[in-house]
Amino acid sequence: MSENIDSKVLLEIINGFIRAADAAFESMIFTELKRVGVYLKNHDEPMKGDVSSIVTLFGDLDGVCAISFPRKTAITLVGKMMMDESISDLDDDVCDGLGEIANLIAGGAKGEISNILGTNASISIPTVVTGIGHVVEHNKKCPCIGCIFEAEGRQFFLEVSINKKSK
């Protein structure tokens, strides 16, 4: 069972993910991140990117964080992170890099979530899914909030759905 999180608290949680994304991009990708939009996602809607890195939150929480990138954005950002501009294909190294980006963001947000909700949260090992039109199973018992970011002149998407487990 899960309990819905108050909308003000949910906003604080989303802001925690945004701050974690800013920190991850500044420290690991050496680029500035700009949030250019926010949206409420229909749970059956496909991801907006061609490749997504997914982290599940569990413990006292029940949630999903998914970061979805268009193909060229994924290649550009991971190439910048690895300091290798010769990367030109969505290969295993790029997928590993995307997993690390998701891990950094979810890990950074996890501490803030634990403080905000007074809970213990854990995160899964990232899973990377590729393919145009793929769907990520978000927690259907709560809203899925999406943020549109821009880095290096390219957009990508962060989606979060999270609930607190009832005791």
C-alpha atoms as a PDB file:
ATOM      1  CA  MET A   1       0.000   0.000   0.000  1.00  0.00           C
ATOM      2  CA  SER A   2       1.095   3.558  -0.564  1.00  0.00           C
ATOM      3  CA  GLU A   3      -0.077   6.964   0.492  1.00  0.00           C
ATOM      4  CA  ASN A   4      -0.233   9.989  -1.742  1.00  0.00           C
ATOM      5  CA  ILE A   5       2.261  12.727  -1.034  1.00  0.00           C
ATOM      6  CA  ASP A   6       0.957  16.250  -0.434  1.00  0.00           C
ATOM      7  CA  SER A   7       1.399  18.462  -3.543  1.00  0.00           C
ATOM      8  CA  LYS A   8       3.725  20.919  -1.714  1.00  0.00           C
ATOM      9  CA  VAL A   9       5.922  18.027  -0.583  1.00  0.00           C
ATOM     10  CA  LEU A  10       5.860  16.555  -4.102  1.00  0.00           C
ATOM     11  CA  LEU A  11       7.096  19.897  -5.421  1.00  0.00           C
ATOM     12  CA  GLU A  12       9.976  19.821  -2.903  1.00  0.00           C
ATOM     13  CA  ILE A  13      10.847  16.301  -4.047  1.00  0.00           C
ATOM     14  CA  ILE A  14      10.841  17.296  -7.738  1.00  0.00           C
ATOM     15  CA  ASN A  15      13.040  20.276  -6.870  1.00  0.00           C
ATOM     16  CA  GLY A  16      15.414  17.827  -5.141  1.00  0.00           C
ATOM     17  CA  PHE A  17      15.728  15.900  -8.410  1.00  0.00           C
ATOM     18  CA  ILE A  18      16.316  19.156 -10.304  1.00  0.00           C
ATOM     19  CA  ARG A  19      19.077  20.192  -7.879  1.00  0.00           C
ATOM     20  CA  ALA A  20      20.629  16.724  -8.135  1.00  0.00           C
ATOM     21  CA  ALA A  21      20.541  16.932 -11.943  1.00  0.00           C
ATOM     22  CA  ASP A  22      22.201  20.364 -11.842  1.00  0.00           C
ATOM     23  CA  ALA A  23      24.963  19.046  -9.568  1.00  0.00           C
ATOM     24  CA  ALA A  24      25.517  15.898 -11.654  1.00  0.00           C
ATOM     25  CA  PHE A  25      25.794  17.817 -14.906  1.00  0.00           C
ATOM     26  CA  GLU A  26      28.102  20.425 -13.418  1.00  0.00           C
ATOM     27  CA  SER A  27      30.456  17.924 -11.778  1.00  0.00           C
ATOM     28  CA  MET A  28      30.434  14.994 -14.236  1.00  0.00           C
ATOM     29  CA  ILE A  29      29.475  16.382 -17.625  1.00  0.00           C
ATOM     30  CA  PHE A  30      31.021  19.801 -17.122  1.00  0.00           C
ATOM     31  CA  THR A  31      28.051  21.602 -18.572  1.00  0.00           C
ATOM     32  CA  GLU A  32      25.295  23.861 -17.346  1.00  0.00           C
ATOM     33  CA  LEU A  33      21.780  22.558 -17.231  1.00  0.00           C
ATOM     34  CA  LYS A  34      18.734  24.697 -17.982  1.00  0.00           C
ATOM     35  CA  ARG A  35      15.186  23.658 -17.068  1.00  0.00           C
ATOM     36  CA  VAL A  36      12.946  24.777 -19.933  1.00  0.00           C
ATOM     37  CA  GLY A  37       9.617  23.169 -19.048  1.00  0.00           C
ATOM     38  CA  VAL A  38       7.521  21.049 -16.710  1.00  0.00           C
ATOM     39  CA  TYR A  39       4.667  18.698 -17.586  1.00  0.00           C
ATOM     40  CA  LEU A  40       2.272  16.197 -16.048  1.00  0.00           C
ATOM     41  CA  LYS A  41       2.573  12.893 -17.892  1.00  0.00           C
ATOM     42  CA  ASN A  42      -0.142  10.443 -18.820  1.00  0.00           C
ATOM     43  CA  HIS A  43       1.100   7.058 -17.545  1.00  0.00           C
ATOM     44  CA  ASP A  44       0.468   5.288 -20.877  1.00  0.00           C
ATOM     45  CA  GLU A  45       2.345   7.883 -22.921  1.00  0.00           C
ATOM     46  CA  PRO A  46       5.641   6.750 -24.479  1.00  0.00           C
ATOM     47  CA  MET A  47       8.912   8.309 -23.421  1.00  0.00           C
ATOM     48  CA  LYS A  48       9.948  11.392 -25.349  1.00  0.00           C
ATOM     49  CA  GLY A  49      13.498  10.163 -26.040  1.00  0.00           C
ATOM     50  CA  ASP A  50      15.028   7.243 -27.893  1.00  0.00           C
ATOM     51  CA  VAL A  51      16.919   5.914 -24.854  1.00  0.00           C
ATOM     52  CA  SER A  52      15.976   6.068 -21.167  1.00  0.00           C
ATOM     53  CA  SER A  53      17.819   5.292 -17.985  1.00  0.00           C
ATOM     54  CA  ILE A  54      15.499   4.147 -15.185  1.00  0.00           C
ATOM     55  CA  VAL A  55      16.055   3.976 -11.438  1.00  0.00           C
ATOM     56  CA  THR A  56      13.500   2.543  -9.011  1.00  0.00           C
ATOM     57  CA  LEU A  57      13.118   3.996  -5.517  1.00  0.00           C
ATOM     58  CA  PHE A  58      12.173   1.548  -2.793  1.00  0.00           C
ATOM     59  CA  GLY A  59      12.304   1.010   0.959  1.00  0.00           C
ATOM     60  CA  ASP A  60       9.831   3.413   2.552  1.00  0.00           C
ATOM     61  CA  LEU A  61       9.115   4.765  -0.930  1.00  0.00           C
ATOM     62  CA  ASP A  62       7.552   3.426  -4.097  1.00  0.00           C
ATOM     63  CA  GLY A  63       8.706   5.300  -7.163  1.00  0.00           C
ATOM     64  CA  VAL A  64      10.483   5.617 -10.469  1.00  0.00           C
ATOM     65  CA  CYS A  65      12.920   8.154 -11.877  1.00  0.00           C
ATOM     66  CA  ALA A  66      13.432   7.986 -15.641  1.00  0.00           C
ATOM     67  CA  ILE A  67      15.717  10.169 -17.716  1.00  0.00           C
ATOM     68  CA  SER A  68      15.023  10.036 -21.427  1.00  0.00           C
ATOM     69  CA  PHE A  69      17.321  11.307 -24.164  1.00  0.00           C
ATOM     70  CA  PRO A  70      17.050  11.663 -27.916  1.00  0.00           C
ATOM     71  CA  ARG A  71      19.784   9.553 -29.502  1.00  0.00           C
ATOM     72  CA  LYS A  72      22.088  12.429 -30.508  1.00  0.00           C
ATOM     73  CA  THR A  73      21.700  14.095 -27.109  1.00  0.00           C
ATOM     74  CA  ALA A  74      22.710  10.877 -25.333  1.00  0.00           C
ATOM     75  CA  ILE A  75      25.794  10.500 -27.527  1.00  0.00           C
ATOM     76  CA  THR A  76      26.805  14.161 -27.109  1.00  0.00           C
ATOM     77  CA  LEU A  77      26.396  14.237 -23.331  1.00  0.00           C
ATOM     78  CA  VAL A  78      28.115  10.924 -22.630  1.00  0.00           C
ATOM     79  CA  GLY A  79      30.931  11.903 -25.021  1.00  0.00           C
ATOM     80  CA  LYS A  80      31.377  15.101 -23.021  1.00  0.00           C
ATOM     81  CA  MET A  81      31.273  13.165 -19.735  1.00  0.00           C
ATOM     82  CA  MET A  82      33.887  10.690 -20.993  1.00  0.00           C
ATOM     83  CA  MET A  83      35.895  13.510 -22.606  1.00  0.00           C
ATOM     84  CA  ASP A  84      35.729  11.610 -25.885  1.00  0.00           C
ATOM     85  CA  GLU A  85      34.228  13.576 -28.763  1.00  0.00           C
ATOM     86  CA  SER A  86      34.809  10.668 -31.150  1.00  0.00           C
ATOM     87  CA  ILE A  87      31.783   8.769 -29.781  1.00  0.00           C
ATOM     88  CA  SER A  88      29.279   8.595 -32.618  1.00  0.00           C
ATOM     89  CA  ASP A  89      27.009   5.656 -31.890  1.00  0.00           C
ATOM     90  CA  LEU A  90      24.596   4.592 -29.161  1.00  0.00           C
ATOM     91  CA  ASP A  91      26.777   1.703 -27.963  1.00  0.00           C
ATOM     92  CA  ASP A  92      27.290  -0.095 -24.640  1.00  0.00           C
ATOM     93  CA  ASP A  93      29.608   2.643 -23.348  1.00  0.00           C
ATOM     94  CA  VAL A  94      26.988   5.311 -23.997  1.00  0.00           C
ATOM     95  CA  CYS A  95      24.312   3.208 -22.286  1.00  0.00           C
ATOM     96  CA  ASP A  96      26.630   2.699 -19.290  1.00  0.00           C
ATOM     97  CA  GLY A  97      27.220   6.458 -19.180  1.00  0.00           C
ATOM     98  CA  LEU A  98      23.484   7.144 -19.224  1.00  0.00           C
ATOM     99  CA  GLY A  99      23.048   4.686 -16.361  1.00  0.00           C
ATOM    100  CA  GLU A 100      25.692   6.559 -14.393  1.00  0.00           C
ATOM    101  CA  ILE A 101      23.943   9.888 -15.032  1.00  0.00           C
ATOM    102  CA  ALA A 102      20.658   8.446 -13.710  1.00  0.00           C
ATOM    103  CA  ASN A 103      22.467   6.936 -10.733  1.00  0.00           C
ATOM    104  CA  LEU A 104      24.033  10.307  -9.852  1.00  0.00           C
ATOM    105  CA  ILE A 105      20.722  12.147 -10.114  1.00  0.00           C
ATOM    106  CA  ALA A 106      18.651   9.580  -8.195  1.00  0.00           C
ATOM    107  CA  GLY A 107      21.396   9.158  -5.595  1.00  0.00           C
ATOM    108  CA  GLY A 108      21.628  12.911  -5.081  1.00  0.00           C
ATOM    109  CA  ALA A 109      17.864  13.257  -4.769  1.00  0.00           C
ATOM    110  CA  LYS A 110      17.569  10.245  -2.430  1.00  0.00           C
ATOM    111  CA  GLY A 111      19.133  12.098   0.499  1.00  0.00           C
ATOM    112  CA  GLU A 112      16.835  15.073   0.036  1.00  0.00           C
ATOM    113  CA  ILE A 113      13.780  12.830  -0.232  1.00  0.00           C
ATOM    114  CA  SER A 114      14.742  11.027   2.970  1.00  0.00           C
ATOM    115  CA  ASN A 115      15.058  14.368   4.775  1.00  0.00           C
ATOM    116  CA  ILE A 116      11.832  15.803   3.356  1.00  0.00           C
ATOM    117  CA  LEU A 117       9.710  12.726   4.125  1.00  0.00           C
ATOM    118  CA  GLY A 118      11.589  11.420   7.159  1.00  0.00           C
ATOM    119  CA  THR A 119      11.939   8.043   5.448  1.00  0.00           C
ATOM    120  CA  ASN A 120      14.638   5.637   4.384  1.00  0.00           C
ATOM    121  CA  ALA A 121      14.945   5.349   0.652  1.00  0.00           C
ATOM    122  CA  SER A 122      17.051   3.086  -1.520  1.00  0.00           C
ATOM    123  CA  ILE A 123      17.649   3.127  -5.255  1.00  0.00           C
ATOM    124  CA  SER A 124      18.051   0.308  -7.742  1.00  0.00           C
ATOM    125  CA  ILE A 125      20.863  -0.201 -10.193  1.00  0.00           C
ATOM    126  CA  PRO A 126      19.944   1.788 -13.331  1.00  0.00           C
ATOM    127  CA  THR A 127      18.351   0.016 -16.267  1.00  0.00           C
ATOM    128  CA  VAL A 128      18.744   1.452 -19.763  1.00  0.00           C
ATOM    129  CA  VAL A 129      16.024   0.940 -22.375  1.00  0.00           C
ATOM    130  CA  THR A 130      16.341   1.920 -26.035  1.00  0.00           C
ATOM    131  CA  GLY A 131      13.903   2.241 -28.893  1.00  0.00           C
ATOM    132  CA  ILE A 132      11.625   4.883 -30.311  1.00  0.00           C
ATOM    133  CA  GLY A 133       8.258   4.884 -28.542  1.00  0.00           C
ATOM    134  CA  HIS A 134       9.310   2.791 -25.530  1.00  0.00           C
ATOM    135  CA  VAL A 135       7.191   3.069 -22.395  1.00  0.00           C
ATOM    136  CA  VAL A 136       8.447   3.225 -18.803  1.00  0.00           C
ATOM    137  CA  GLU A 137       6.098   1.835 -16.165  1.00  0.00           C
ATOM    138  CA  HIS A 138       5.742   4.697 -13.695  1.00  0.00           C
ATOM    139  CA  ASN A 139       3.917   4.354 -10.382  1.00  0.00           C
ATOM    140  CA  LYS A 140       0.280   4.612 -11.484  1.00  0.00           C
ATOM    141  CA  LYS A 141      -0.896   5.439  -7.951  1.00  0.00           C
ATOM    142  CA  CYS A 142       0.608   8.913  -8.120  1.00  0.00           C
ATOM    143  CA  PRO A 143       1.216  11.675 -10.642  1.00  0.00           C
ATOM    144  CA  CYS A 144       4.200  11.499 -12.958  1.00  0.00           C
ATOM    145  CA  ILE A 145       5.911  14.886 -13.153  1.00  0.00           C
ATOM    146  CA  GLY A 146       8.264  15.601 -16.031  1.00  0.00           C
ATOM    147  CA  CYS A 147      10.908  18.267 -16.480  1.00  0.00           C
ATOM    148  CA  ILE A 148      12.363  19.307 -19.816  1.00  0.00           C
ATOM    149  CA  PHE A 149      16.047  20.215 -19.608  1.00  0.00           C
ATOM    150  CA  GLU A 150      18.484  21.647 -22.067  1.00  0.00           C
ATOM    151  CA  ALA A 151      22.230  20.992 -22.060  1.00  0.00           C
ATOM    152  CA  GLU A 152      24.700  21.682 -24.842  1.00  0.00           C
ATOM    153  CA  GLY A 153      21.793  23.082 -26.885  1.00  0.00           C
ATOM    154  CA  ARG A 154      19.922  19.754 -26.738  1.00  0.00           C
ATOM    155  CA  GLN A 155      16.822  18.748 -24.788  1.00  0.00           C
ATOM    156  CA  PHE A 156      16.220  15.715 -22.591  1.00  0.00           C
ATOM    157  CA  PHE A 157      13.529  14.697 -20.114  1.00  0.00           C
ATOM    158  CA  LEU A 158      13.427  13.737 -16.425  1.00  0.00           C
ATOM    159  CA  GLU A 159      10.274  12.036 -15.146  1.00  0.00           C
ATOM    160  CA  VAL A 160       9.519  11.202 -11.524  1.00  0.00           C
ATOM    161  CA  SER A 161       6.609   9.371  -9.898  1.00  0.00           C
ATOM    162  CA  ILE A 162       6.879   8.666  -6.191  1.00  0.00           C
ATOM    163  CA  ASN A 163       4.718   7.675  -3.253  1.00  0.00           C
ATOM    164  CA  LYS A 164       5.405   6.997   0.398  1.00  0.00           C
ATOM    165  CA  LYS A 165       4.625   3.451   1.504  1.00  0.00           C
ATOM    166  CA  SER A 166       2.024   3.152   4.244  1.00  0.00           C
ATOM    167  CA  LYS A 167       3.174   1.502   7.446  1.00  0.00           C
END
